[in-house]
Amino acid sequence: QQETLPQQALKEEVAAFFGAEPRETVLTRFAQVDCCLSPVLDIASAAETPHAKARGIVQRTAEGATQAVFPVWVDGEPPSGRSPLGHVPRHSIEGKQKS
C-alpha cells in the first residue's frame, strides 16, 4: 500500500495470477463472484460478442478488414464505417483549402 506508483509488484502479482491458468478456467472460477471481470479480446473476437453485434460497433470493411466504429447511434441510426486509413474525403480537403 505504501509503494509508489506504478505499483510494479502488484502488477506482477496480478499478471502471474491470471497467467497461471487458462482463460476459461479463470472465467469459470469468477462466474459466481460479484466482481467486474471479462477477458480482453482481440478485435475479431470482440466483433462476435452479442453486445458488439447488437450495437453494430465492430464492422467489416468491403476489403474484409475489421474496424471499431464510434459506439453511438445518432437519430436512431447505427454508426457508419470509417474511411480507409490514409483516405481523406475530398470535401475535407476542399474545406481546408478555403480557410
N, C-alpha and C. Protein backbone atom coordinates (compact mmCIF):
# COMPACT_ATOMS: atom_id res chain seq x y z
N GLN A 1 0.82 -1.19 0.00
CA GLN A 1 0.00 0.00 0.00
C GLN A 1 0.86 1.25 0.00
N GLN A 2 2.03 1.18 0.58
CA GLN A 2 2.89 2.35 0.63
C GLN A 2 3.78 2.49 -0.59
N GLU A 3 3.73 1.50 -1.48
CA GLU A 3 4.56 1.54 -2.68
C GLU A 3 4.10 2.68 -3.59
N THR A 4 5.05 3.39 -4.14
CA THR A 4 4.68 4.47 -5.06
C THR A 4 4.21 3.88 -6.39
N LEU A 5 3.52 4.70 -7.13
CA LEU A 5 3.05 4.26 -8.44
C LEU A 5 4.24 3.96 -9.32
N PRO A 6 4.21 3.05 -10.19
CA PRO A 6 3.07 2.33 -10.74
C PRO A 6 2.78 0.99 -10.06
N GLN A 7 3.23 0.78 -8.84
CA GLN A 7 2.96 -0.46 -8.09
C GLN A 7 3.34 -1.70 -8.89
N GLN A 8 4.60 -1.75 -9.28
CA GLN A 8 5.11 -2.82 -10.13
C GLN A 8 4.90 -4.20 -9.51
N ALA A 9 5.10 -4.32 -8.20
CA ALA A 9 4.94 -5.63 -7.54
C ALA A 9 3.50 -6.12 -7.66
N LEU A 10 2.53 -5.22 -7.49
CA LEU A 10 1.12 -5.60 -7.62
C LEU A 10 0.81 -6.02 -9.04
N LYS A 11 1.30 -5.27 -10.02
CA LYS A 11 1.08 -5.63 -11.43
C LYS A 11 1.63 -7.02 -11.72
N GLU A 12 2.81 -7.31 -11.22
CA GLU A 12 3.43 -8.61 -11.45
C GLU A 12 2.64 -9.73 -10.79
N GLU A 13 2.15 -9.48 -9.58
CA GLU A 13 1.36 -10.49 -8.87
C GLU A 13 0.04 -10.78 -9.59
N VAL A 14 -0.62 -9.74 -10.06
CA VAL A 14 -1.89 -9.93 -10.78
C VAL A 14 -1.63 -10.65 -12.11
N ALA A 15 -0.58 -10.27 -12.82
CA ALA A 15 -0.24 -10.92 -14.09
C ALA A 15 0.08 -12.39 -13.87
N ALA A 16 0.81 -12.71 -12.80
CA ALA A 16 1.15 -14.10 -12.51
C ALA A 16 -0.11 -14.90 -12.16
N PHE A 17 -1.02 -14.30 -11.40
CA PHE A 17 -2.25 -15.00 -11.01
C PHE A 17 -3.08 -15.35 -12.23
N PHE A 18 -3.34 -14.36 -13.09
CA PHE A 18 -4.18 -14.61 -14.25
C PHE A 18 -3.46 -15.39 -15.34
N GLY A 19 -2.14 -15.31 -15.38
CA GLY A 19 -1.37 -16.03 -16.38
C GLY A 19 -1.15 -17.49 -16.05
N ALA A 20 -1.44 -17.88 -14.81
CA ALA A 20 -1.17 -19.26 -14.37
C ALA A 20 -2.24 -20.25 -14.82
N GLU A 21 -3.39 -19.76 -15.22
CA GLU A 21 -4.50 -20.64 -15.61
C GLU A 21 -5.01 -20.26 -17.00
N PRO A 22 -5.60 -21.20 -17.71
CA PRO A 22 -6.24 -20.85 -18.99
C PRO A 22 -7.40 -19.87 -18.76
N ARG A 23 -7.69 -19.07 -19.76
CA ARG A 23 -8.75 -18.06 -19.64
C ARG A 23 -10.07 -18.66 -19.19
N GLU A 24 -10.49 -19.78 -19.78
CA GLU A 24 -11.78 -20.38 -19.42
C GLU A 24 -11.82 -20.81 -17.95
N THR A 25 -10.70 -21.28 -17.42
CA THR A 25 -10.64 -21.67 -16.00
C THR A 25 -10.86 -20.46 -15.11
N VAL A 26 -10.21 -19.36 -15.43
CA VAL A 26 -10.36 -18.14 -14.64
C VAL A 26 -11.80 -17.63 -14.73
N LEU A 27 -12.38 -17.62 -15.93
CA LEU A 27 -13.76 -17.14 -16.08
C LEU A 27 -14.74 -18.01 -15.30
N THR A 28 -14.52 -19.31 -15.32
CA THR A 28 -15.38 -20.22 -14.56
C THR A 28 -15.25 -19.97 -13.06
N ARG A 29 -14.02 -19.79 -12.61
CA ARG A 29 -13.76 -19.55 -11.18
C ARG A 29 -14.46 -18.29 -10.70
N PHE A 30 -14.52 -17.26 -11.52
CA PHE A 30 -15.10 -15.99 -11.10
C PHE A 30 -16.56 -15.82 -11.53
N ALA A 31 -17.14 -16.81 -12.18
CA ALA A 31 -18.50 -16.68 -12.71
C ALA A 31 -19.54 -16.36 -11.64
N GLN A 32 -19.39 -16.91 -10.45
CA GLN A 32 -20.38 -16.71 -9.39
C GLN A 32 -19.96 -15.65 -8.38
N VAL A 33 -18.89 -14.94 -8.64
CA VAL A 33 -18.38 -13.91 -7.74
C VAL A 33 -18.87 -12.55 -8.21
N ASP A 34 -19.28 -11.71 -7.25
CA ASP A 34 -19.76 -10.37 -7.59
C ASP A 34 -18.55 -9.46 -7.81
N CYS A 35 -18.06 -9.48 -9.04
CA CYS A 35 -16.91 -8.64 -9.40
C CYS A 35 -16.97 -8.35 -10.89
N CYS A 36 -16.22 -7.37 -11.29
CA CYS A 36 -16.16 -7.00 -12.70
C CYS A 36 -14.95 -7.69 -13.32
N LEU A 37 -15.20 -8.67 -14.16
CA LEU A 37 -14.13 -9.43 -14.79
C LEU A 37 -14.58 -9.86 -16.18
N SER A 38 -13.79 -9.52 -17.15
CA SER A 38 -14.04 -10.00 -18.50
C SER A 38 -12.71 -10.06 -19.23
N PRO A 39 -12.59 -10.99 -20.16
CA PRO A 39 -11.32 -11.11 -20.87
C PRO A 39 -11.12 -9.95 -21.85
N VAL A 40 -9.87 -9.66 -22.13
CA VAL A 40 -9.53 -8.69 -23.16
C VAL A 40 -9.46 -9.46 -24.47
N LEU A 41 -10.33 -9.10 -25.40
CA LEU A 41 -10.44 -9.82 -26.66
C LEU A 41 -9.74 -9.06 -27.78
N ASP A 42 -9.27 -9.79 -28.78
CA ASP A 42 -8.79 -9.11 -29.97
C ASP A 42 -10.03 -8.61 -30.72
N ILE A 43 -9.85 -7.72 -31.66
CA ILE A 43 -11.00 -7.07 -32.31
C ILE A 43 -11.87 -8.06 -33.07
N ALA A 44 -11.25 -9.08 -33.67
CA ALA A 44 -12.05 -10.08 -34.40
C ALA A 44 -12.96 -10.85 -33.45
N SER A 45 -12.46 -11.21 -32.27
CA SER A 45 -13.28 -11.92 -31.28
C SER A 45 -14.34 -10.99 -30.70
N ALA A 46 -13.97 -9.74 -30.45
CA ALA A 46 -14.92 -8.77 -29.92
C ALA A 46 -16.08 -8.55 -30.89
N ALA A 47 -15.81 -8.63 -32.18
CA ALA A 47 -16.86 -8.44 -33.18
C ALA A 47 -17.94 -9.51 -33.09
N GLU A 48 -17.60 -10.66 -32.53
CA GLU A 48 -18.55 -11.77 -32.45
C GLU A 48 -19.36 -11.80 -31.16
N THR A 49 -19.12 -10.87 -30.23
CA THR A 49 -19.88 -10.86 -28.99
C THR A 49 -21.29 -10.34 -29.23
N PRO A 50 -22.28 -10.81 -28.47
CA PRO A 50 -23.65 -10.32 -28.64
C PRO A 50 -23.76 -8.79 -28.49
N HIS A 51 -23.01 -8.22 -27.56
CA HIS A 51 -23.04 -6.77 -27.33
C HIS A 51 -22.61 -6.02 -28.59
N ALA A 52 -21.48 -6.41 -29.16
CA ALA A 52 -20.98 -5.72 -30.35
C ALA A 52 -21.90 -5.92 -31.55
N LYS A 53 -22.42 -7.13 -31.71
CA LYS A 53 -23.33 -7.40 -32.83
C LYS A 53 -24.61 -6.57 -32.72
N ALA A 54 -25.19 -6.50 -31.53
CA ALA A 54 -26.45 -5.77 -31.34
C ALA A 54 -26.28 -4.28 -31.60
N ARG A 55 -25.13 -3.75 -31.27
CA ARG A 55 -24.91 -2.31 -31.42
C ARG A 55 -24.23 -1.92 -32.73
N GLY A 56 -23.70 -2.90 -33.43
CA GLY A 56 -23.05 -2.61 -34.71
C GLY A 56 -21.78 -1.80 -34.56
N ILE A 57 -21.06 -1.97 -33.44
CA ILE A 57 -19.88 -1.13 -33.18
C ILE A 57 -18.58 -1.71 -33.72
N VAL A 58 -18.63 -2.92 -34.22
CA VAL A 58 -17.47 -3.50 -34.89
C VAL A 58 -17.96 -3.96 -36.24
N GLN A 59 -17.32 -3.48 -37.29
CA GLN A 59 -17.78 -3.76 -38.64
C GLN A 59 -16.64 -4.27 -39.50
N ARG A 60 -17.00 -4.92 -40.58
CA ARG A 60 -16.01 -5.37 -41.55
C ARG A 60 -16.10 -4.46 -42.77
N THR A 61 -14.94 -4.09 -43.29
CA THR A 61 -14.90 -3.25 -44.48
C THR A 61 -15.14 -4.11 -45.71
N ALA A 62 -15.31 -3.48 -46.86
CA ALA A 62 -15.50 -4.21 -48.12
C ALA A 62 -14.30 -5.09 -48.43
N GLU A 63 -13.13 -4.67 -47.94
CA GLU A 63 -11.90 -5.44 -48.16
C GLU A 63 -11.74 -6.57 -47.15
N GLY A 64 -12.65 -6.65 -46.15
CA GLY A 64 -12.59 -7.72 -45.16
C GLY A 64 -11.88 -7.36 -43.87
N ALA A 65 -11.37 -6.13 -43.76
CA ALA A 65 -10.71 -5.71 -42.52
C ALA A 65 -11.76 -5.46 -41.44
N THR A 66 -11.38 -5.64 -40.20
CA THR A 66 -12.26 -5.40 -39.06
C THR A 66 -11.94 -4.04 -38.48
N GLN A 67 -12.97 -3.25 -38.17
CA GLN A 67 -12.74 -1.94 -37.58
C GLN A 67 -13.78 -1.65 -36.50
N ALA A 68 -13.32 -0.97 -35.45
CA ALA A 68 -14.23 -0.49 -34.41
C ALA A 68 -14.71 0.89 -34.86
N VAL A 69 -16.00 1.14 -34.73
CA VAL A 69 -16.55 2.43 -35.13
C VAL A 69 -17.06 3.16 -33.90
N PHE A 70 -17.33 4.44 -34.05
CA PHE A 70 -17.82 5.26 -32.94
C PHE A 70 -19.08 4.62 -32.37
N PRO A 71 -19.08 4.29 -31.07
CA PRO A 71 -20.15 3.48 -30.49
C PRO A 71 -21.42 4.23 -30.09
N VAL A 72 -21.86 5.16 -30.93
CA VAL A 72 -23.06 5.94 -30.61
C VAL A 72 -24.01 5.93 -31.79
N TRP A 73 -25.28 5.70 -31.49
CA TRP A 73 -26.30 5.79 -32.53
C TRP A 73 -26.79 7.24 -32.53
N VAL A 74 -26.98 7.79 -33.73
CA VAL A 74 -27.46 9.17 -33.86
C VAL A 74 -28.76 9.14 -34.64
N ASP A 75 -29.80 9.75 -34.08
CA ASP A 75 -31.12 9.79 -34.71
C ASP A 75 -31.60 8.38 -35.07
N GLY A 76 -31.33 7.43 -34.20
CA GLY A 76 -31.77 6.05 -34.43
C GLY A 76 -30.95 5.27 -35.42
N GLU A 77 -29.88 5.84 -35.92
CA GLU A 77 -29.04 5.18 -36.92
C GLU A 77 -27.76 4.64 -36.28
N PRO A 78 -27.38 3.42 -36.66
CA PRO A 78 -26.15 2.85 -36.10
C PRO A 78 -24.93 3.58 -36.68
N PRO A 79 -23.78 3.37 -36.06
CA PRO A 79 -22.57 4.03 -36.56
C PRO A 79 -22.22 3.55 -37.97
N SER A 80 -21.59 4.43 -38.73
CA SER A 80 -21.15 4.05 -40.08
C SER A 80 -19.67 3.74 -40.03
N GLY A 81 -19.20 3.03 -41.05
CA GLY A 81 -17.79 2.68 -41.12
C GLY A 81 -16.92 3.90 -41.35
N ARG A 82 -15.65 3.75 -41.03
CA ARG A 82 -14.70 4.83 -41.24
C ARG A 82 -14.09 4.72 -42.62
N SER A 83 -13.51 5.83 -43.08
CA SER A 83 -12.79 5.83 -44.35
C SER A 83 -11.54 4.97 -44.20
N PRO A 84 -11.06 4.39 -45.29
CA PRO A 84 -9.82 3.61 -45.22
C PRO A 84 -8.69 4.47 -44.68
N LEU A 85 -7.77 3.84 -43.98
CA LEU A 85 -6.63 4.53 -43.41
C LEU A 85 -5.88 5.28 -44.50
N GLY A 86 -5.60 6.54 -44.24
CA GLY A 86 -4.88 7.35 -45.21
C GLY A 86 -5.79 8.04 -46.21
N HIS A 87 -7.07 7.71 -46.21
CA HIS A 87 -8.01 8.33 -47.15
C HIS A 87 -8.68 9.52 -46.47
N VAL A 88 -8.59 10.66 -47.08
CA VAL A 88 -9.26 11.86 -46.57
C VAL A 88 -10.34 12.22 -47.57
N PRO A 89 -11.62 12.30 -47.10
CA PRO A 89 -12.69 12.65 -48.03
C PRO A 89 -12.40 13.97 -48.74
N ARG A 90 -12.75 14.05 -50.02
CA ARG A 90 -12.46 15.23 -50.84
C ARG A 90 -13.04 16.50 -50.22
N HIS A 91 -14.25 16.44 -49.68
CA HIS A 91 -14.84 17.65 -49.11
C HIS A 91 -14.03 18.17 -47.93
N SER A 92 -13.33 17.30 -47.22
CA SER A 92 -12.49 17.74 -46.11
C SER A 92 -11.31 18.55 -46.63
N ILE A 93 -10.73 18.09 -47.73
CA ILE A 93 -9.58 18.79 -48.31
C ILE A 93 -10.02 20.13 -48.85
N GLU A 94 -11.12 20.15 -49.59
CA GLU A 94 -11.61 21.39 -50.18
C GLU A 94 -11.96 22.41 -49.11
N GLY A 95 -12.57 21.95 -48.02
CA GLY A 95 -12.93 22.86 -46.93
C GLY A 95 -11.72 23.48 -46.28
N LYS A 96 -10.64 22.75 -46.15
CA LYS A 96 -9.42 23.28 -45.53
C LYS A 96 -8.72 24.27 -46.46
N GLN A 97 -8.82 24.06 -47.75
CA GLN A 97 -8.15 24.96 -48.70
C GLN A 97 -8.82 26.32 -48.70
N LYS A 98 -10.10 26.40 -48.43
CA LYS A 98 -10.83 27.67 -48.45
C LYS A 98 -10.54 28.50 -47.20
N SER A 99 -10.07 27.85 -46.15
CA SER A 99 -9.84 28.56 -44.88
C SER A 99 -8.70 29.53 -44.96
